[in-house]
Amino acid sequence: MKVGILLITHGNIGAVLLQSATEVLGVCPLSITTISAAAGCDPERVLIFAKQAAQEIDCGDGVLVLTDMYGATPSNIACRLRELHDVRVVSGLNLPMLIRVLNYPDLDLDGLMHKAVTGGRDGVLLCNTEGAPHAG
C-alpha cells in the first residue's frame, strides 16, 4: 500500500503541476487526485468533493494533502480534511515539493509529509549573477 496524494489548489494549478512533475519523472508512482477551488466557489461543496477524493485514494496508508497558499480557500478546505483518519496537510505547493514527494513513493505518511516540506523549502533558491544558486 502507498500514501494517496490530494492536491487542492486555486484554479488548475494542481493539475498543471502534476502534469509537469509527471513529464519530468516520466511516471506518476502514487495515486494522485487534483481538486480546484476556483474563485467564487462554494467551499462547502468543494469540501464534499475533497472528502470523497481523500477516501477514494486512501489505500490504508493515509493521505497527504498539498495546497498552494496557506490561509486561502484551498488550504482552509484542506485543513478541514484533518478530521479524517490519517490526513496530513502541507501548504506552499510548488514543483520541487511535488517532485520530491513523487521520488519517495514508498515512504509512510509522515515521511512523505517531511519530504514535501523540505522539497518545497529547498527548491526555493536565489539565482544571482555572481555564481551558483544558493538558498535565500
C-alpha atoms as a PDB file:
ATOM      1  CA  MET A   1       0.000   0.000   0.000  1.00  0.00           C
ATOM      2  CA  LYS A   2       1.031   3.590  -0.567  1.00  0.00           C
ATOM      3  CA  VAL A   3       0.029   7.039   0.596  1.00  0.00           C
ATOM      4  CA  GLY A   4      -2.534   8.842  -1.550  1.00  0.00           C
ATOM      5  CA  ILE A   5      -1.841  12.423  -2.610  1.00  0.00           C
ATOM      6  CA  LEU A   6      -4.538  15.076  -2.913  1.00  0.00           C
ATOM      7  CA  LEU A   7      -3.749  18.467  -4.460  1.00  0.00           C
ATOM      8  CA  ILE A   8      -6.221  21.228  -3.577  1.00  0.00           C
ATOM      9  CA  THR A   9      -5.344  24.489  -5.313  1.00  0.00           C
ATOM     10  CA  HIS A  10      -6.624  27.672  -6.866  1.00  0.00           C
ATOM     11  CA  GLY A  11      -7.808  27.100 -10.419  1.00  0.00           C
ATOM     12  CA  ASN A  12      -5.861  24.429 -12.294  1.00  0.00           C
ATOM     13  CA  ILE A  13      -2.521  24.972 -10.508  1.00  0.00           C
ATOM     14  CA  GLY A  14      -2.572  21.436  -9.102  1.00  0.00           C
ATOM     15  CA  ALA A  15      -3.347  19.814 -12.435  1.00  0.00           C
ATOM     16  CA  VAL A  16      -0.605  21.761 -14.209  1.00  0.00           C
ATOM     17  CA  LEU A  17       1.976  20.949 -11.516  1.00  0.00           C
ATOM     18  CA  LEU A  18       1.011  17.277 -11.632  1.00  0.00           C
ATOM     19  CA  GLN A  19       1.324  17.209 -15.419  1.00  0.00           C
ATOM     20  CA  SER A  20       4.725  18.911 -15.235  1.00  0.00           C
ATOM     21  CA  ALA A  21       6.013  16.593 -12.498  1.00  0.00           C
ATOM     22  CA  THR A  22       4.868  13.532 -14.427  1.00  0.00           C
ATOM     23  CA  GLU A  23       6.624  14.805 -17.569  1.00  0.00           C
ATOM     24  CA  VAL A  24       9.853  15.409 -15.627  1.00  0.00           C
ATOM     25  CA  LEU A  25       9.785  11.998 -13.922  1.00  0.00           C
ATOM     26  CA  GLY A  26       8.258  10.047 -16.791  1.00  0.00           C
ATOM     27  CA  VAL A  27       5.866   8.366 -14.356  1.00  0.00           C
ATOM     28  CA  CYS A  28       3.483   9.150 -11.509  1.00  0.00           C
ATOM     29  CA  PRO A  29       4.207   6.490  -8.861  1.00  0.00           C
ATOM     30  CA  LEU A  30       1.456   7.468  -6.418  1.00  0.00           C
ATOM     31  CA  SER A  31      -2.301   7.766  -6.597  1.00  0.00           C
ATOM     32  CA  ILE A  32      -2.965  11.498  -7.011  1.00  0.00           C
ATOM     33  CA  THR A  33      -6.147  13.483  -7.404  1.00  0.00           C
ATOM     34  CA  THR A  34      -6.417  17.218  -8.015  1.00  0.00           C
ATOM     35  CA  ILE A  35      -9.251  19.439  -6.869  1.00  0.00           C
ATOM     36  CA  SER A  36      -9.753  23.012  -7.965  1.00  0.00           C
ATOM     37  CA  ALA A  37     -11.121  25.598  -5.574  1.00  0.00           C
ATOM     38  CA  ALA A  38     -11.910  28.193  -8.212  1.00  0.00           C
ATOM     39  CA  ALA A  39     -12.601  31.834  -7.415  1.00  0.00           C
ATOM     40  CA  GLY A  40     -16.119  32.219  -6.109  1.00  0.00           C
ATOM     41  CA  CYS A  41     -16.527  28.505  -5.399  1.00  0.00           C
ATOM     42  CA  ASP A  42     -18.732  27.180  -2.614  1.00  0.00           C
ATOM     43  CA  PRO A  43     -16.169  25.906  -0.080  1.00  0.00           C
ATOM     44  CA  GLU A  44     -18.663  23.503   1.485  1.00  0.00           C
ATOM     45  CA  ARG A  45     -19.309  21.899  -1.893  1.00  0.00           C
ATOM     46  CA  VAL A  46     -15.577  21.621  -2.626  1.00  0.00           C
ATOM     47  CA  LEU A  47     -15.084  20.092   0.841  1.00  0.00           C
ATOM     48  CA  ILE A  48     -17.582  17.358  -0.021  1.00  0.00           C
ATOM     49  CA  PHE A  49     -15.612  16.539  -3.197  1.00  0.00           C
ATOM     50  CA  ALA A  50     -12.340  16.662  -1.265  1.00  0.00           C
ATOM     51  CA  LYS A  51     -13.620  14.233   1.393  1.00  0.00           C
ATOM     52  CA  GLN A  52     -14.777  11.823  -1.307  1.00  0.00           C
ATOM     53  CA  ALA A  53     -11.479  12.085  -3.158  1.00  0.00           C
ATOM     54  CA  ALA A  54      -9.468  11.529   0.039  1.00  0.00           C
ATOM     55  CA  GLN A  55     -11.454   8.400   0.846  1.00  0.00           C
ATOM     56  CA  GLU A  56     -11.017   7.058  -2.704  1.00  0.00           C
ATOM     57  CA  ILE A  57      -7.231   7.475  -2.802  1.00  0.00           C
ATOM     58  CA  ASP A  58      -6.596   6.269   0.771  1.00  0.00           C
ATOM     59  CA  CYS A  59      -5.495   2.662   0.371  1.00  0.00           C
ATOM     60  CA  GLY A  60      -4.854   2.350   4.101  1.00  0.00           C
ATOM     61  CA  ASP A  61      -1.635   4.354   4.460  1.00  0.00           C
ATOM     62  CA  GLY A  62      -3.270   7.773   4.682  1.00  0.00           C
ATOM     63  CA  VAL A  63      -3.494  10.859   2.512  1.00  0.00           C
ATOM     64  CA  LEU A  64      -1.059  13.730   2.090  1.00  0.00           C
ATOM     65  CA  VAL A  65      -2.882  16.894   1.058  1.00  0.00           C
ATOM     66  CA  LEU A  66      -0.800  19.549  -0.682  1.00  0.00           C
ATOM     67  CA  THR A  67      -2.256  23.004  -1.124  1.00  0.00           C
ATOM     68  CA  ASP A  68      -0.907  26.153  -2.705  1.00  0.00           C
ATOM     69  CA  MET A  69      -1.250  29.033  -0.231  1.00  0.00           C
ATOM     70  CA  TYR A  70      -1.887  28.943   3.492  1.00  0.00           C
ATOM     71  CA  GLY A  71      -4.922  30.893   4.675  1.00  0.00           C
ATOM     72  CA  ALA A  72      -6.685  30.881   1.310  1.00  0.00           C
ATOM     73  CA  THR A  73      -9.787  28.854   0.457  1.00  0.00           C
ATOM     74  CA  PRO A  74      -7.923  25.753  -0.831  1.00  0.00           C
ATOM     75  CA  SER A  75      -5.840  25.451   2.338  1.00  0.00           C
ATOM     76  CA  ASN A  76      -8.836  26.132   4.560  1.00  0.00           C
ATOM     77  CA  ILE A  77     -10.644  23.260   2.849  1.00  0.00           C
ATOM     78  CA  ALA A  78      -7.546  21.066   3.129  1.00  0.00           C
ATOM     79  CA  CYS A  79      -7.217  21.764   6.851  1.00  0.00           C
ATOM     80  CA  ARG A  80     -10.792  20.642   7.405  1.00  0.00           C
ATOM     81  CA  LEU A  81      -9.819  17.242   5.991  1.00  0.00           C
ATOM     82  CA  ARG A  82      -7.656  16.671   9.056  1.00  0.00           C
ATOM     83  CA  GLU A  83     -10.842  15.420  10.719  1.00  0.00           C
ATOM     84  CA  LEU A  84     -10.399  12.293   8.619  1.00  0.00           C
ATOM     85  CA  HIS A  85      -8.161   9.493   9.815  1.00  0.00           C
ATOM     86  CA  ASP A  86      -4.510   9.743   8.710  1.00  0.00           C
ATOM     87  CA  VAL A  87      -4.513  13.003   6.771  1.00  0.00           C
ATOM     88  CA  ARG A  88      -1.579  15.427   6.767  1.00  0.00           C
ATOM     89  CA  VAL A  89      -1.710  18.861   5.133  1.00  0.00           C
ATOM     90  CA  VAL A  90       1.229  20.840   3.739  1.00  0.00           C
ATOM     91  CA  SER A  91       0.799  24.310   2.268  1.00  0.00           C
ATOM     92  CA  GLY A  92       3.041  26.117  -0.217  1.00  0.00           C
ATOM     93  CA  LEU A  93       2.814  23.612  -3.068  1.00  0.00           C
ATOM     94  CA  ASN A  94       5.423  24.088  -5.759  1.00  0.00           C
ATOM     95  CA  LEU A  95       7.003  21.863  -8.401  1.00  0.00           C
ATOM     96  CA  PRO A  96      10.102  20.920  -6.345  1.00  0.00           C
ATOM     97  CA  MET A  97       7.814  19.859  -3.481  1.00  0.00           C
ATOM     98  CA  LEU A  98       5.704  17.645  -5.699  1.00  0.00           C
ATOM     99  CA  ILE A  99       8.682  16.072  -7.448  1.00  0.00           C
ATOM    100  CA  ARG A 100      10.330  15.345  -4.090  1.00  0.00           C
ATOM    101  CA  VAL A 101       7.167  13.601  -2.872  1.00  0.00           C
ATOM    102  CA  LEU A 102       6.897  11.555  -6.056  1.00  0.00           C
ATOM    103  CA  ASN A 103      10.542  10.490  -5.772  1.00  0.00           C
ATOM    104  CA  TYR A 104       9.820   8.724  -2.470  1.00  0.00           C
ATOM    105  CA  PRO A 105       6.646   6.695  -3.129  1.00  0.00           C
ATOM    106  CA  ASP A 106       7.487   4.025  -0.547  1.00  0.00           C
ATOM    107  CA  LEU A 107       7.702   6.379   2.440  1.00  0.00           C
ATOM    108  CA  ASP A 108       4.979   6.414   5.058  1.00  0.00           C
ATOM    109  CA  LEU A 109       2.648   9.379   5.529  1.00  0.00           C
ATOM    110  CA  ASP A 110       4.839  11.277   7.987  1.00  0.00           C
ATOM    111  CA  GLY A 111       7.952  10.614   5.871  1.00  0.00           C
ATOM    112  CA  LEU A 112       6.242  11.993   2.768  1.00  0.00           C
ATOM    113  CA  MET A 113       4.998  14.993   4.730  1.00  0.00           C
ATOM    114  CA  HIS A 114       8.605  15.731   5.740  1.00  0.00           C
ATOM    115  CA  LYS A 115       9.833  15.310   2.129  1.00  0.00           C
ATOM    116  CA  ALA A 116       7.116  17.706   0.956  1.00  0.00           C
ATOM    117  CA  VAL A 117       8.209  20.394   3.397  1.00  0.00           C
ATOM    118  CA  THR A 118      11.919  20.020   2.707  1.00  0.00           C
ATOM    119  CA  GLY A 119      11.406  19.718  -1.053  1.00  0.00           C
ATOM    120  CA  GLY A 120       9.308  22.864  -1.180  1.00  0.00           C
ATOM    121  CA  ARG A 121      11.676  24.828   1.062  1.00  0.00           C
ATOM    122  CA  ASP A 122      14.900  23.583  -0.532  1.00  0.00           C
ATOM    123  CA  GLY A 123      13.512  24.211  -4.013  1.00  0.00           C
ATOM    124  CA  VAL A 124      13.480  27.967  -3.406  1.00  0.00           C
ATOM    125  CA  LEU A 125      16.865  29.401  -4.354  1.00  0.00           C
ATOM    126  CA  LEU A 126      18.255  32.831  -5.007  1.00  0.00           C
ATOM    127  CA  CYS A 127      19.760  32.818  -8.507  1.00  0.00           C
ATOM    128  CA  ASN A 128      22.183  35.687  -8.644  1.00  0.00           C
ATOM    129  CA  THR A 129      24.668  36.671 -11.311  1.00  0.00           C
ATOM    130  CA  GLU A 130      27.757  36.015  -9.193  1.00  0.00           C
ATOM    131  CA  GLY A 131      27.765  32.250  -9.224  1.00  0.00           C
ATOM    132  CA  ALA A 132      25.736  29.217  -8.417  1.00  0.00           C
ATOM    133  CA  PRO A 133      22.236  29.471  -6.953  1.00  0.00           C
ATOM    134  CA  HIS A 134      22.009  29.426  -3.196  1.00  0.00           C
ATOM    135  CA  ALA A 135      19.299  29.382  -0.554  1.00  0.00           C
ATOM    136  CA  GLY A 136      17.998  32.845   0.274  1.00  0.00           C
END
